[in-house]
Amino acid sequence: MGALNAGQAVQAAEAPVKLQGLRGGTPVNQDNAPSAFRQERDHGPADRDFVQQPPLIPHTTSGYQITKNFNKCMDCHAWQKTKASGATKVSVTHFRTREGQELDNISPRRYF
């Protein structure tokens, strides 16, 4: 019985453990301040997380003009220009109509 009392005395002497939640010291009735948004800079191609995932754009597209008559992306990603630009080719699926017909240029359905 004496050993049991000694163990209880040690526990009582230790300071309580203070736990830290994911919110830090912010009370539940308040929000954490949002982190500052930083525009991502140009970088190399990103790894894909699954087999059919489209490539992620590794550069800014701010100011790119895309209309029914012009697509700035094709300056580098058109099949004829990828060797010189080093850009990823546009997928063959972009050249198919809704009915599955193969076209020589990007299908208009990609613009709408």
Protein backbone atom coordinates (compact mmCIF):
# COMPACT_ATOMS: atom_id res chain seq x y z
CA MET A 1 0.00 0.00 0.00
CA GLY A 2 2.96 2.29 0.69
CA ALA A 3 4.23 1.92 -2.92
CA LEU A 4 0.86 2.91 -4.29
CA ASN A 5 0.82 6.10 -2.23
CA ALA A 6 4.36 6.97 -3.41
CA GLY A 7 3.29 6.61 -7.06
CA GLN A 8 0.34 8.88 -6.49
CA ALA A 9 2.60 11.45 -4.85
CA VAL A 10 4.91 11.49 -7.91
CA GLN A 11 1.95 12.03 -10.24
CA ALA A 12 0.63 14.85 -8.10
CA ALA A 13 4.03 16.58 -8.09
CA GLU A 14 4.34 16.61 -11.92
CA ALA A 15 2.95 19.60 -13.78
CA PRO A 16 -0.07 18.92 -15.99
CA VAL A 17 0.66 18.35 -19.68
CA LYS A 18 -0.49 21.25 -21.85
CA LEU A 19 -1.79 20.06 -25.20
CA GLN A 20 -1.62 22.20 -28.34
CA GLY A 21 -4.35 21.87 -30.98
CA LEU A 22 -4.04 22.54 -34.70
CA ARG A 23 -5.50 26.00 -34.18
CA GLY A 24 -2.57 26.98 -31.97
CA GLY A 25 -3.59 29.45 -29.30
CA THR A 26 -6.58 30.77 -31.27
CA PRO A 27 -9.86 30.27 -29.39
CA VAL A 28 -12.57 28.22 -31.12
CA ASN A 29 -14.81 31.28 -31.53
CA GLN A 30 -12.13 33.09 -33.64
CA ASP A 31 -10.47 32.33 -36.97
CA ASN A 32 -6.74 32.04 -37.56
CA ALA A 33 -5.38 34.85 -39.72
CA PRO A 34 -5.13 33.69 -43.36
CA SER A 35 -1.65 33.11 -44.68
CA ALA A 36 -0.47 35.52 -47.36
CA PHE A 37 -1.17 34.29 -50.91
CA ARG A 38 1.95 34.10 -53.05
CA GLN A 39 1.73 33.75 -56.81
CA GLU A 40 3.69 30.67 -57.81
CA ARG A 41 6.67 31.37 -60.03
CA ASP A 42 7.59 29.45 -63.16
CA HIS A 43 9.10 26.05 -62.46
CA GLY A 44 9.64 22.71 -64.13
CA PRO A 45 6.81 20.25 -64.79
CA ALA A 46 5.12 18.93 -61.64
CA ASP A 47 4.70 15.21 -60.99
CA ARG A 48 1.21 13.84 -61.59
CA ASP A 49 -0.66 12.13 -58.76
CA PHE A 50 -2.63 9.66 -60.92
CA VAL A 51 -2.35 8.13 -64.39
CA GLN A 52 -4.94 10.19 -66.29
CA GLN A 53 -4.25 13.50 -64.49
CA PRO A 54 -3.79 16.39 -66.91
CA PRO A 55 -0.45 18.15 -66.57
CA LEU A 56 -0.37 21.00 -64.07
CA ILE A 57 0.61 24.36 -65.53
CA PRO A 58 4.14 25.10 -64.26
CA HIS A 59 4.06 28.79 -65.17
CA THR A 60 1.86 31.83 -64.81
CA THR A 61 -0.91 32.30 -67.38
CA SER A 62 -1.76 35.84 -66.33
CA GLY A 63 -2.56 37.91 -69.39
CA TYR A 64 -2.86 34.93 -71.76
CA GLN A 65 -5.43 35.60 -74.45
CA ILE A 66 -7.73 32.69 -75.26
CA THR A 67 -10.59 33.37 -77.66
CA LYS A 68 -12.40 31.33 -80.30
CA ASN A 69 -9.83 32.60 -82.83
CA PHE A 70 -6.61 32.60 -80.79
CA ASN A 71 -5.04 30.61 -77.96
CA LYS A 72 -1.78 31.97 -76.51
CA CYS A 73 -0.94 28.50 -75.11
CA MET A 74 -0.47 27.20 -78.65
CA ASP A 75 2.55 29.49 -79.11
CA CYS A 76 4.51 26.83 -77.20
CA HIS A 77 2.25 23.78 -76.82
CA ALA A 78 1.21 23.25 -80.46
CA TRP A 79 2.64 19.98 -81.79
CA GLN A 80 4.79 21.81 -84.34
CA LYS A 81 6.36 24.06 -81.67
CA THR A 82 7.06 21.76 -78.72
CA LYS A 83 10.56 20.75 -79.85
CA ALA A 84 11.74 24.35 -80.00
CA SER A 85 9.89 25.47 -76.86
CA GLY A 86 10.45 22.37 -74.71
CA ALA A 87 6.78 22.52 -73.69
CA THR A 88 4.47 19.52 -73.24
CA LYS A 89 2.47 18.64 -76.37
CA VAL A 90 -1.26 19.17 -76.30
CA SER A 91 -3.00 15.82 -75.84
CA VAL A 92 -4.41 14.13 -78.95
CA THR A 93 -7.83 14.28 -77.24
CA HIS A 94 -7.83 18.06 -77.82
CA PHE A 95 -8.03 17.38 -81.58
CA ARG A 96 -11.26 15.34 -81.39
CA THR A 97 -14.79 16.61 -81.83
CA ARG A 98 -17.64 15.52 -79.55
CA GLU A 99 -18.42 12.85 -82.13
CA GLY A 100 -14.84 11.52 -82.06
CA GLN A 101 -13.76 12.93 -85.44
CA GLU A 102 -10.01 13.75 -85.64
CA LEU A 103 -9.20 17.33 -86.67
CA ASP A 104 -5.98 18.99 -87.90
CA ASN A 105 -6.32 21.78 -85.32
CA ILE A 106 -7.55 22.04 -81.75
CA SER A 107 -11.25 21.20 -81.52
CA PRO A 108 -13.53 24.22 -80.98
CA ARG A 109 -15.10 22.40 -78.03
CA ARG A 110 -11.90 23.15 -76.08
CA TYR A 111 -12.74 26.85 -76.16
CA PHE A 112 -16.24 26.57 -74.67
